[in-house]
Amino acid sequence: MTPMTTEREKATASAAPTAKRAMVGRLSWGLADQAASSLSNFAVGVYVARSLGPAAFGVFSLAWVTYGVVLNVSRGLATDPLVVRFSGVSDTSWRGAVARSSGTALGVGTALGAASLVVGLALGGSVGTAFAVLGVVLPALLLQDAWRFAFFAAGTGRKAFVNDLVWGVALVPAMVVAARVGSVAAFVLAWGASAAVAAAYGCLQSGIRPRMAGARGWLREQRDLGYRYLVENVSLSGANQLRAYGLGAIVGLGAVGAVRGAELLMGPFLAVLMGLSLVTVPEAARVLRQAPHRLGTFCLLLGGGQAAAALLWGTPLLMVPDRLGEFVLGGVWHSASELIVAITFGVAGAGLGTGAAAGLRALGAARRSLRCQLFASACYVGGGLGGAAVAGTVGSAWGVAAATLSSSAVWWLQLRSALREHHHNLVPEVRTS
């Protein structure tokens, strides 16, 4: 053994713990950021539910799921390609990409916000007013989300956490004012106005100004991933929206509020699932570059851990006394409590599937992930509306649970095939080196 070989082995041995500590640090900030996000989402949902009652809370929930659709359009076109291709790159490359990516998110918010405003004014009533106000605040909501993706791509999750913390602090006075007004539109405006504070602060944190003029170039450069991710993301949020609209038509707006109330009880894990790509896709991409043979294990630990955590969280909810539940959700509690078991299994199934989804994103296997998401979305809508037609709100919840568990198996089958394909493509390179 030569002295040079010994030095290399020592360097490798010392680098491994350092890399693990760095990963743990990034994941810790990711968990902290998601905790801040889930806490603010939970607080908003509870406050609105207690202030408005089941029917008005159902209207607020329709605006919420509509925002989810637009958010996923922005993520598919702007920020999902960013975290796949610009995680761990040089600062110069990152800054240029973030300027165009955030500009794209801002452009999406402006365009779809204008559409929501027009639709809301045409509809009229409480639903129309809520959608009109949502259209006004959409640009700020999407820009704030874009900063979170940008910071995690750079490995600076602490900044994303601080940004969400700023949003949470700004929410407090905004919600108090909205409660005095007492309308759905006031709560939507308060939610979006506080996001605008965080979005402006994100510009100061990054020192980057969004370039809407660079959106066209960004879309052209990322079209091989962006448009597939767009379809994938919209199919997911669109399925959620179709299920909400269909449930409202079949059972009533109170049923939409009941489902949203039950989801609030599972809020910490639903928020983690919604923002999972903030942390796990960049980390999976790093694992793929540094130790590709460990990607499958990483994804399994990720998905299995989330599924187990969801079950551990949902079980104690069954023992919550009615008095405490009514204190938290008000009149929504009684109908929401009947859905806890089904929602828990649904979240566990989704958590298991997101582990495989992160692996497919890291591999850049956009076609495979698109097929999986289209299948999952079709099952979600079919199970949710079919269950509603058969057994009302409870049947819809169990239909969704069955759909998520079934689609999770498809995600894992596709990841296994993608890993085999990736390994097969690497073998010739190893043999010729």
Protein backbone atom coordinates (compact mmCIF):
# COMPACT_ATOMS: atom_id res chain seq x y z
CA MET A 1 0.00 0.00 0.00
CA THR A 2 1.55 3.31 -1.07
CA PRO A 3 1.42 6.52 1.01
CA MET A 4 -0.71 8.13 -1.72
CA THR A 5 -3.28 5.33 -1.51
CA THR A 6 -3.43 5.68 2.26
CA GLU A 7 -4.06 9.43 2.01
CA ARG A 8 -6.84 8.86 -0.52
CA GLU A 9 -8.54 6.31 1.74
CA LYS A 10 -8.32 8.70 4.69
CA ALA A 11 -9.80 11.50 2.63
CA THR A 12 -12.64 9.25 1.45
CA ALA A 13 -13.34 8.04 4.97
CA SER A 14 -13.46 11.57 6.36
CA ALA A 15 -15.57 12.86 3.48
CA ALA A 16 -18.36 10.31 4.01
CA PRO A 17 -19.41 11.53 7.49
CA THR A 18 -19.14 15.13 6.30
CA ALA A 19 -21.48 14.43 3.37
CA LYS A 20 -23.93 12.66 5.68
CA ARG A 21 -23.90 15.56 8.13
CA ALA A 22 -24.52 17.97 5.27
CA MET A 23 -27.48 15.89 4.07
CA VAL A 24 -28.92 15.67 7.58
CA GLY A 25 -28.55 19.43 7.92
CA ARG A 26 -30.38 20.09 4.64
CA LEU A 27 -33.14 17.62 5.52
CA SER A 28 -33.47 19.17 8.97
CA TRP A 29 -34.03 22.60 7.50
CA GLY A 30 -36.50 21.02 5.09
CA LEU A 31 -38.44 19.51 7.97
CA ALA A 32 -38.32 22.81 9.84
CA ASP A 33 -39.62 24.66 6.79
CA GLN A 34 -42.42 22.17 6.29
CA ALA A 35 -43.28 22.42 9.98
CA ALA A 36 -43.60 26.20 9.63
CA SER A 37 -45.65 25.81 6.44
CA SER A 38 -47.96 23.16 7.88
CA LEU A 39 -48.46 25.11 11.08
CA SER A 40 -49.50 28.25 9.20
CA ASN A 41 -51.79 26.25 6.88
CA PHE A 42 -53.33 24.49 9.87
CA ALA A 43 -53.83 27.77 11.72
CA VAL A 44 -55.46 29.40 8.70
CA GLY A 45 -57.79 26.45 8.14
CA VAL A 46 -58.83 26.22 11.77
CA TYR A 47 -59.34 29.96 12.12
CA VAL A 48 -61.45 30.17 8.98
CA ALA A 49 -63.46 27.05 9.90
CA ARG A 50 -64.29 28.44 13.33
CA SER A 51 -65.09 31.89 11.96
CA LEU A 52 -67.26 30.96 8.96
CA GLY A 53 -69.01 27.63 9.57
CA PRO A 54 -69.32 24.56 7.30
CA ALA A 55 -70.91 26.07 4.16
CA ALA A 56 -68.72 29.21 3.96
CA PHE A 57 -65.68 27.12 4.84
CA GLY A 58 -66.59 24.94 1.85
CA VAL A 59 -66.39 28.05 -0.37
CA PHE A 60 -62.98 28.90 1.09
CA SER A 61 -61.89 25.30 0.44
CA LEU A 62 -62.87 25.61 -3.24
CA ALA A 63 -60.61 28.66 -3.53
CA TRP A 64 -57.88 26.73 -1.72
CA VAL A 65 -57.93 23.75 -4.09
CA THR A 66 -58.06 26.10 -7.08
CA TYR A 67 -54.91 27.75 -5.78
CA GLY A 68 -53.42 24.26 -5.58
CA VAL A 69 -54.03 23.75 -9.30
CA VAL A 70 -52.38 27.05 -10.23
CA LEU A 71 -49.50 26.36 -7.83
CA ASN A 72 -48.79 23.07 -9.57
CA VAL A 73 -48.84 24.75 -12.98
CA SER A 74 -46.16 27.11 -11.71
CA ARG A 75 -44.13 24.32 -10.16
CA GLY A 76 -44.25 22.19 -13.29
CA LEU A 77 -43.11 24.99 -15.59
CA ALA A 78 -40.85 27.01 -13.31
CA THR A 79 -39.51 25.36 -10.19
CA ASP A 80 -39.56 21.58 -10.71
CA PRO A 81 -37.02 21.83 -13.57
CA LEU A 82 -35.00 24.19 -11.36
CA VAL A 83 -34.54 21.69 -8.53
CA VAL A 84 -33.78 18.83 -10.95
CA ARG A 85 -31.16 20.66 -13.00
CA PHE A 86 -29.80 23.41 -10.76
CA SER A 87 -29.39 21.75 -7.35
CA GLY A 88 -25.81 22.00 -6.11
CA VAL A 89 -24.51 23.96 -9.13
CA SER A 90 -22.29 27.06 -9.08
CA ASP A 91 -23.68 30.26 -7.62
CA THR A 92 -23.54 32.05 -10.96
CA SER A 93 -25.49 29.31 -12.71
CA TRP A 94 -28.00 29.15 -9.86
CA ARG A 95 -28.64 32.89 -9.79
CA GLY A 96 -29.26 33.09 -13.52
CA ALA A 97 -31.64 30.13 -13.40
CA VAL A 98 -33.51 31.48 -10.36
CA ALA A 99 -34.05 34.89 -11.98
CA ARG A 100 -35.74 33.26 -14.97
CA SER A 101 -37.53 30.59 -12.93
CA SER A 102 -39.02 33.06 -10.46
CA GLY A 103 -39.96 35.32 -13.37
CA THR A 104 -41.80 32.39 -14.93
CA ALA A 105 -43.67 31.75 -11.67
CA LEU A 106 -44.62 35.42 -11.45
CA GLY A 107 -45.82 35.37 -15.08
CA VAL A 108 -47.95 32.28 -14.46
CA GLY A 109 -49.49 33.94 -11.41
CA THR A 110 -50.27 37.10 -13.35
CA ALA A 111 -51.84 35.31 -16.31
CA LEU A 112 -53.91 32.78 -14.36
CA GLY A 113 -54.73 35.38 -11.73
CA ALA A 114 -56.30 37.55 -14.41
CA ALA A 115 -58.34 34.56 -15.60
CA SER A 116 -59.51 33.84 -12.05
CA LEU A 117 -60.49 37.47 -11.60
CA VAL A 118 -62.59 37.46 -14.77
CA VAL A 119 -64.29 34.17 -13.86
CA GLY A 120 -64.99 35.38 -10.35
CA LEU A 121 -66.59 38.61 -11.52
CA ALA A 122 -68.73 36.64 -13.98
CA LEU A 123 -69.90 34.16 -11.33
CA GLY A 124 -70.81 36.71 -8.66
CA GLY A 125 -71.97 35.75 -5.18
CA SER A 126 -69.70 34.58 -2.40
CA VAL A 127 -67.99 31.98 -4.62
CA GLY A 128 -67.33 34.49 -7.40
CA THR A 129 -65.99 37.12 -5.00
CA ALA A 130 -63.61 34.57 -3.44
CA PHE A 131 -62.28 33.61 -6.87
CA ALA A 132 -61.90 37.26 -7.90
CA VAL A 133 -59.84 38.03 -4.80
CA LEU A 134 -57.81 34.86 -5.34
CA GLY A 135 -56.91 36.14 -8.80
CA VAL A 136 -55.52 39.35 -7.29
CA VAL A 137 -53.22 37.57 -4.83
CA LEU A 138 -52.07 34.66 -7.01
CA PRO A 139 -48.86 36.36 -8.29
CA ALA A 140 -47.63 36.90 -4.72
CA LEU A 141 -48.55 33.36 -3.66
CA LEU A 142 -46.64 31.78 -6.55
CA LEU A 143 -43.58 34.00 -6.17
CA GLN A 144 -43.31 33.13 -2.47
CA ASP A 145 -43.42 29.43 -3.35
CA ALA A 146 -40.75 29.93 -6.04
CA TRP A 147 -38.29 31.34 -3.49
CA ARG A 148 -38.66 28.23 -1.35
CA PHE A 149 -37.73 25.98 -4.26
CA ALA A 150 -34.81 28.24 -5.16
CA PHE A 151 -33.33 28.17 -1.66
CA PHE A 152 -33.58 24.40 -1.38
CA ALA A 153 -31.97 23.96 -4.79
CA ALA A 154 -29.02 25.99 -3.46
CA GLY A 155 -28.89 23.89 -0.28
CA THR A 156 -29.85 26.89 1.90
CA GLY A 157 -33.05 25.60 3.43
CA ARG A 158 -32.60 27.96 6.37
CA LYS A 159 -33.62 30.85 4.11
CA ALA A 160 -36.77 29.01 3.03
CA PHE A 161 -37.64 28.42 6.68
CA VAL A 162 -37.16 32.09 7.53
CA ASN A 163 -39.29 33.09 4.55
CA ASP A 164 -42.16 30.86 5.67
CA LEU A 165 -41.73 32.21 9.19
CA VAL A 166 -42.13 35.76 7.89
CA TRP A 167 -45.32 34.69 6.12
CA GLY A 168 -46.63 33.14 9.32
CA VAL A 169 -45.95 36.28 11.33
CA ALA A 170 -47.63 38.47 8.71
CA LEU A 171 -50.67 36.15 8.76
CA VAL A 172 -51.52 36.96 12.38
CA PRO A 173 -52.67 40.58 12.01
CA ALA A 174 -54.10 39.86 8.56
CA MET A 175 -56.36 37.09 9.91
CA VAL A 176 -57.50 39.23 12.83
CA VAL A 177 -58.63 41.95 10.42
CA ALA A 178 -60.32 39.37 8.16
CA ALA A 179 -62.23 37.93 11.12
CA ARG A 180 -63.66 41.37 11.87
CA VAL A 181 -64.92 41.61 8.28
CA GLY A 182 -66.27 38.05 8.50
CA SER A 183 -66.37 37.10 4.80
CA VAL A 184 -64.67 34.41 2.70
CA ALA A 185 -63.16 37.06 0.42
CA ALA A 186 -61.57 38.85 3.38
CA PHE A 187 -59.84 35.68 4.50
CA VAL A 188 -58.57 34.95 0.99
CA LEU A 189 -57.22 38.50 0.73
CA ALA A 190 -55.54 38.26 4.14
CA TRP A 191 -53.91 34.97 3.19
CA GLY A 192 -52.58 36.36 -0.09
CA ALA A 193 -51.51 39.76 1.28
CA SER A 194 -49.36 38.12 3.95
CA ALA A 195 -47.79 35.95 1.23
CA ALA A 196 -46.90 39.15 -0.64
CA VAL A 197 -44.86 40.26 2.39
CA ALA A 198 -42.90 36.99 2.31
CA ALA A 199 -42.48 37.18 -1.47
CA ALA A 200 -40.97 40.67 -1.21
CA TYR A 201 -38.69 39.48 1.59
CA GLY A 202 -37.54 36.62 -0.65
CA CYS A 203 -36.20 39.17 -3.12
CA LEU A 204 -34.12 40.71 -0.30
CA GLN A 205 -32.90 37.30 0.90
CA SER A 206 -31.72 36.17 -2.51
CA GLY A 207 -30.66 39.52 -3.93
CA ILE A 208 -32.35 38.42 -7.16
CA ARG A 209 -35.06 40.22 -9.08
CA PRO A 210 -37.50 37.95 -10.96
CA ARG A 211 -37.12 38.36 -14.73
CA MET A 212 -40.50 37.89 -16.37
CA ALA A 213 -38.82 38.72 -19.67
CA GLY A 214 -36.72 35.58 -19.27
CA ALA A 215 -39.77 33.33 -18.90
CA ARG A 216 -39.98 32.51 -22.60
CA GLY A 217 -36.33 31.45 -22.73
CA TRP A 218 -36.74 29.39 -19.57
CA LEU A 219 -39.76 27.54 -20.95
CA ARG A 220 -37.90 26.84 -24.19
CA GLU A 221 -34.79 25.51 -22.43
CA GLN A 222 -36.73 23.34 -19.98
CA ARG A 223 -39.47 22.14 -22.32
CA ASP A 224 -38.34 18.49 -22.20
CA LEU A 225 -39.06 18.40 -18.46
CA GLY A 226 -41.32 21.38 -17.87
CA TYR A 227 -44.27 20.43 -20.04
CA ARG A 228 -44.31 16.83 -18.78
CA TYR A 229 -44.13 18.07 -15.20
CA LEU A 230 -46.89 20.55 -16.00
CA VAL A 231 -49.23 17.79 -17.14
CA GLU A 232 -48.20 15.63 -14.21
CA ASN A 233 -48.73 18.34 -11.61
CA VAL A 234 -51.97 19.65 -13.09
CA SER A 235 -53.39 16.13 -13.27
CA LEU A 236 -52.69 15.80 -9.55
CA SER A 237 -54.17 19.12 -8.42
CA GLY A 238 -56.85 19.00 -11.11
CA ALA A 239 -58.00 15.64 -9.78
CA ASN A 240 -58.22 17.15 -6.32
CA GLN A 241 -60.25 20.05 -7.69
CA LEU A 242 -62.58 17.80 -9.70
CA ARG A 243 -63.16 15.66 -6.66
CA ALA A 244 -63.97 18.76 -4.57
CA TYR A 245 -66.33 20.20 -7.17
CA GLY A 246 -67.96 16.81 -7.76
CA LEU A 247 -68.33 16.15 -4.05
CA GLY A 248 -69.98 19.54 -3.63
CA ALA A 249 -72.40 18.78 -6.46
CA ILE A 250 -73.22 15.23 -5.27
CA VAL A 251 -73.32 15.72 -1.50
CA GLY A 252 -73.13 19.50 -0.87
CA LEU A 253 -70.66 22.24 0.08
CA GLY A 254 -70.70 21.02 3.67
CA ALA A 255 -69.09 17.79 2.48
CA VAL A 256 -66.22 19.75 0.91
CA GLY A 257 -65.70 21.53 4.21
CA ALA A 258 -65.78 18.19 6.08
CA VAL A 259 -63.05 16.73 3.86
CA ARG A 260 -60.95 19.87 4.26
CA GLY A 261 -61.47 19.72 8.03
CA ALA A 262 -60.27 16.10 8.16
CA GLU A 263 -57.27 17.03 6.02
CA LEU A 264 -56.44 19.81 8.47
CA LEU A 265 -56.20 17.21 11.23
CA MET A 266 -53.60 15.43 9.08
CA GLY A 267 -52.11 18.81 8.18
CA PRO A 268 -48.44 18.23 9.09
CA PHE A 269 -48.14 15.27 6.75
CA LEU A 270 -50.27 16.66 3.94
CA ALA A 271 -48.12 19.79 3.93
CA VAL A 272 -44.98 17.66 3.78
CA LEU A 273 -46.40 15.68 0.86
CA MET A 274 -47.39 18.84 -1.02
CA GLY A 275 -43.95 20.36 -0.64
CA LEU A 276 -41.96 17.16 -0.73
CA SER A 277 -39.96 18.08 -3.81
CA LEU A 278 -38.53 21.07 -1.95
CA VAL A 279 -36.24 18.74 -0.02
CA THR A 280 -36.30 15.22 -1.36
CA VAL A 281 -35.84 15.76 -5.09
CA PRO A 282 -32.65 17.83 -4.64
CA GLU A 283 -31.35 15.25 -2.13
CA ALA A 284 -32.26 12.35 -4.41
CA ALA A 285 -30.45 14.11 -7.24
CA ARG A 286 -27.36 14.44 -5.03
CA VAL A 287 -27.56 10.74 -4.06
CA LEU A 288 -27.82 9.83 -7.74
CA ARG A 289 -24.69 11.79 -8.59
CA GLN A 290 -22.63 10.63 -5.62
CA ALA A 291 -23.83 7.05 -5.00
CA PRO A 292 -26.40 5.94 -7.60
CA HIS A 293 -26.65 2.43 -6.13
CA ARG A 294 -28.15 3.95 -2.95
CA LEU A 295 -31.00 5.80 -4.62
CA GLY A 296 -33.50 2.95 -4.26
CA THR A 297 -32.75 2.58 -0.55
CA PHE A 298 -33.02 6.33 -0.04
CA CYS A 299 -36.45 6.40 -1.69
CA LEU A 300 -37.67 3.36 0.27
CA LEU A 301 -36.63 4.90 3.59
CA LEU A 302 -38.24 8.16 2.59
CA GLY A 303 -41.58 6.67 1.51
CA GLY A 304 -41.76 4.08 4.27
CA GLY A 305 -40.91 6.66 6.92
CA GLN A 306 -43.65 8.99 5.77
CA ALA A 307 -46.25 6.24 5.61
CA ALA A 308 -45.39 5.06 9.13
CA ALA A 309 -45.44 8.63 10.45
CA ALA A 310 -48.86 9.26 8.93
CA LEU A 311 -50.26 6.15 10.64
CA LEU A 312 -48.69 7.15 13.96
CA TRP A 313 -50.23 10.61 13.67
CA GLY A 314 -53.68 9.46 12.58
CA THR A 315 -54.19 6.83 15.26
CA PRO A 316 -54.30 9.22 18.27
CA LEU A 317 -56.76 11.45 16.39
CA LEU A 318 -59.37 8.73 16.85
CA MET A 319 -59.20 9.32 20.61
CA VAL A 320 -59.69 13.09 20.49
CA PRO A 321 -62.75 13.96 22.64
CA ASP A 322 -65.61 15.75 20.90
CA ARG A 323 -65.26 18.79 23.12
CA LEU A 324 -61.64 19.32 22.04
CA GLY A 325 -62.48 18.64 18.39
CA GLU A 326 -65.31 21.18 18.47
CA PHE A 327 -62.96 23.71 20.07
CA VAL A 328 -60.51 23.28 17.16
CA LEU A 329 -62.85 22.97 14.16
CA GLY A 330 -66.14 24.27 15.50
CA GLY A 331 -69.17 22.94 13.64
CA VAL A 332 -66.96 21.18 11.07
CA TRP A 333 -65.64 18.69 13.67
CA HIS A 334 -68.57 16.24 13.74
CA SER A 335 -68.54 15.51 10.01
CA ALA A 336 -64.73 15.66 9.74
CA SER A 337 -64.17 13.17 12.60
CA GLU A 338 -66.00 10.45 10.65
CA LEU A 339 -63.32 10.61 7.94
CA ILE A 340 -60.19 10.28 10.10
CA VAL A 341 -59.52 6.57 9.47
CA ALA A 342 -59.98 6.81 5.71
CA ILE A 343 -57.95 10.02 5.43
CA THR A 344 -55.14 8.45 7.48
CA PHE A 345 -54.85 5.45 5.16
CA GLY A 346 -55.00 7.75 2.16
CA VAL A 347 -52.16 9.92 3.45
CA ALA A 348 -50.09 6.84 4.33
CA GLY A 349 -50.52 5.49 0.81
CA ALA A 350 -49.59 8.83 -0.71
CA GLY A 351 -46.55 9.07 1.54
CA LEU A 352 -45.31 5.69 0.40
CA GLY A 353 -45.71 6.67 -3.23
CA THR A 354 -43.87 9.98 -2.89
CA GLY A 355 -40.67 8.13 -2.07
CA ALA A 356 -40.75 6.51 -5.50
CA ALA A 357 -41.84 9.77 -7.11
CA ALA A 358 -38.75 11.55 -5.76
CA GLY A 359 -36.54 8.86 -7.30
CA LEU A 360 -38.19 9.18 -10.70
CA ARG A 361 -37.78 12.97 -10.60
CA ALA A 362 -34.10 12.68 -9.70
CA LEU A 363 -33.58 10.25 -12.59
CA GLY A 364 -35.27 12.70 -14.95
CA ALA A 365 -37.66 9.89 -15.95
CA ALA A 366 -40.41 12.36 -16.83
CA ARG A 367 -42.30 9.95 -19.08
CA ARG A 368 -42.53 7.30 -16.39
CA SER A 369 -43.57 9.76 -13.68
CA LEU A 370 -46.15 11.27 -16.02
CA ARG A 371 -47.73 7.86 -16.67
CA CYS A 372 -47.82 7.16 -12.94
CA GLN A 373 -49.42 10.50 -12.13
CA LEU A 374 -52.07 10.21 -14.83
CA PHE A 375 -52.99 6.77 -13.51
CA ALA A 376 -53.05 8.04 -9.91
CA SER A 377 -55.19 11.05 -10.82
CA ALA A 378 -57.72 8.93 -12.69
CA CYS A 379 -57.98 6.59 -9.70
CA TYR A 380 -58.33 9.55 -7.33
CA VAL A 381 -61.23 11.12 -9.23
CA GLY A 382 -62.90 7.78 -9.88
CA GLY A 383 -62.57 6.61 -6.29
CA GLY A 384 -63.55 9.94 -4.77
CA LEU A 385 -66.65 10.56 -6.89
CA GLY A 386 -67.66 6.90 -7.16
CA GLY A 387 -67.48 6.58 -3.39
CA ALA A 388 -69.48 9.78 -2.97
CA ALA A 389 -72.23 8.47 -5.24
CA VAL A 390 -72.42 5.21 -3.27
CA ALA A 391 -71.89 6.29 0.34
CA GLY A 392 -71.67 10.08 0.52
CA THR A 393 -68.73 11.88 2.14
CA VAL A 394 -67.43 8.79 3.98
CA GLY A 395 -67.56 6.72 0.80
CA SER A 396 -65.62 9.40 -1.05
CA ALA A 397 -62.88 9.34 1.59
CA TRP A 398 -62.53 5.54 1.41
CA GLY A 399 -62.53 5.66 -2.38
CA VAL A 400 -59.62 8.09 -2.31
CA ALA A 401 -57.75 5.92 0.22
CA ALA A 402 -58.07 2.87 -2.05
CA ALA A 403 -56.90 4.95 -5.02
CA THR A 404 -53.75 6.24 -3.30
CA LEU A 405 -52.74 2.78 -2.08
CA SER A 406 -53.20 1.30 -5.56
CA SER A 407 -51.31 4.08 -7.33
CA SER A 408 -48.45 3.84 -4.84
CA ALA A 409 -47.74 0.32 -6.10
CA VAL A 410 -47.56 1.65 -9.67
CA TRP A 411 -45.05 4.35 -8.64
CA TRP A 412 -42.74 1.74 -7.14
CA LEU A 413 -42.96 -0.57 -10.13
CA GLN A 414 -41.97 2.30 -12.41
CA LEU A 415 -39.08 3.31 -10.16
CA ARG A 416 -37.73 -0.24 -10.16
CA SER A 417 -37.82 -0.28 -13.96
CA ALA A 418 -36.18 3.16 -14.17
CA LEU A 419 -33.37 2.11 -11.81
CA ARG A 420 -32.68 -0.98 -13.89
CA GLU A 421 -32.60 1.12 -17.04
CA HIS A 422 -30.23 3.63 -15.45
CA HIS A 423 -27.90 0.87 -14.27
CA HIS A 424 -27.93 -0.72 -17.72
CA ASN A 425 -26.95 2.60 -19.30
CA LEU A 426 -24.07 3.04 -16.85
CA VAL A 427 -22.53 -0.41 -17.41
CA PRO A 428 -20.98 0.34 -20.84
CA GLU A 429 -19.37 3.47 -19.40
CA VAL A 430 -17.82 1.51 -16.56
CA ARG A 431 -16.48 -1.20 -18.89
CA THR A 432 -14.91 1.22 -21.34
CA SER A 433 -13.23 3.32 -18.64
